[in-house]
Protein backbone atom coordinates (compact mmCIF):
# COMPACT_ATOMS: atom_id res chain seq x y z
CA MET A 1 -106.95 121.52 58.40
CA ASP A 2 -107.26 118.18 56.67
CA GLU A 3 -110.09 115.76 57.16
CA LEU A 4 -108.00 113.39 59.56
CA ASN A 5 -106.75 116.13 61.90
CA GLU A 6 -110.35 117.78 61.91
CA PHE A 7 -111.74 114.37 62.88
CA ALA A 8 -109.27 114.02 65.42
CA GLN A 9 -109.89 117.31 66.91
CA ASN A 10 -113.72 117.06 66.96
CA ASN A 11 -113.60 113.69 68.67
CA GLY A 12 -111.05 114.52 71.52
CA PHE A 13 -108.01 112.65 70.12
CA VAL A 14 -104.58 113.84 70.99
CA GLY A 15 -103.38 113.59 67.40
CA SER A 16 -103.44 111.78 64.09
CA PHE A 17 -101.10 110.46 61.70
CA LYS A 18 -101.39 109.02 58.19
CA THR A 19 -99.41 105.69 58.39
CA SER A 20 -98.56 102.82 56.14
CA ALA A 21 -97.94 99.32 57.29
CA LYS A 22 -96.79 98.57 53.70
CA THR A 23 -94.04 101.44 53.40
CA GLY A 24 -93.51 101.98 57.16
CA LYS A 25 -94.61 105.48 56.70
CA ASN A 26 -94.98 107.25 60.17
CA ILE A 27 -95.19 104.07 62.10
CA ASN A 28 -92.40 104.95 64.45
CA GLU A 29 -93.41 108.65 64.66
CA SER A 30 -96.97 107.74 65.62
CA MET A 31 -95.93 105.06 68.27
CA GLU A 32 -93.41 107.59 69.79
CA PHE A 33 -96.15 110.39 69.84
CA LEU A 34 -98.75 107.81 71.51
CA ILE A 35 -96.15 106.61 74.04
CA LYS A 36 -95.26 110.10 75.07
CA ALA A 37 -98.82 111.24 75.12
CA VAL A 38 -99.67 108.30 77.49
CA ILE A 39 -96.70 109.08 79.65
CA LYS A 40 -97.55 112.65 79.85
CA LYS A 41 -101.09 111.86 81.08
CA LEU A 42 -99.79 109.44 83.63
CA GLU A 43 -97.38 112.17 85.02
CA GLU A 44 -100.24 114.61 85.11
CA MET A 45 -102.58 112.23 86.99
CA ASN A 46 -99.87 111.31 89.36
CA SER A 47 -98.75 114.87 90.30
CA LYS A 48 -102.50 115.59 90.92
CA GLY A 49 -102.80 112.33 93.12
CA ASP A 50 -105.48 111.18 90.94
CA TYR A 51 -104.03 108.14 89.47
CA TYR A 52 -105.14 105.77 92.18
CA LYS A 53 -108.22 107.58 93.16
CA ASP A 54 -109.87 107.34 89.74
CA ARG A 55 -112.35 104.62 89.83
CA LYS A 56 -112.04 104.06 86.14
CA THR A 57 -108.22 103.21 86.59
CA VAL A 58 -106.70 99.76 87.01
CA SER A 59 -103.70 99.72 89.10
CA LEU A 60 -100.96 97.12 87.80
CA ASP A 61 -98.97 97.68 90.93
CA PRO A 62 -99.44 94.60 93.06
CA ASP A 63 -98.13 96.40 96.23
CA ASN A 64 -100.92 99.05 95.73
CA HIS A 65 -103.64 96.45 94.80
CA ASN A 66 -102.98 94.44 97.95
CA LYS A 67 -103.21 97.55 100.16
CA GLU A 68 -106.69 98.47 98.43
CA ALA A 69 -107.91 94.90 98.88
CA ASP A 70 -106.85 94.95 102.65
CA SER A 71 -108.51 98.32 103.08
CA LYS A 72 -111.74 97.07 101.47
CA ARG A 73 -111.85 93.83 103.64
CA LYS A 74 -111.41 95.80 106.78
CA GLN A 75 -114.28 98.10 105.72
CA GLY A 76 -116.39 95.16 104.86
CA GLY A 77 -116.67 96.01 101.35
CA GLY A 78 -115.15 94.61 97.92
CA CYS A 79 -115.24 91.14 96.52
CA CYS A 80 -112.06 89.74 97.70
């Protein structure tokens, strides 16, 4: 195992790529890998129903945001 892969594994990263902006080496491959990893994680969270329950998650869905804000107002909590 090379040093980069070892570092990634020891620090909880999903993977690692040696890239070069100068030559373009592995730029597309690394971005494709990253996007697929993010999509996979979101799908896992959605399948568990954790996506909107996770307090560390920010919802970019305006409909969901409005529902949460209305619910907090009714409960007397929240800032808005």
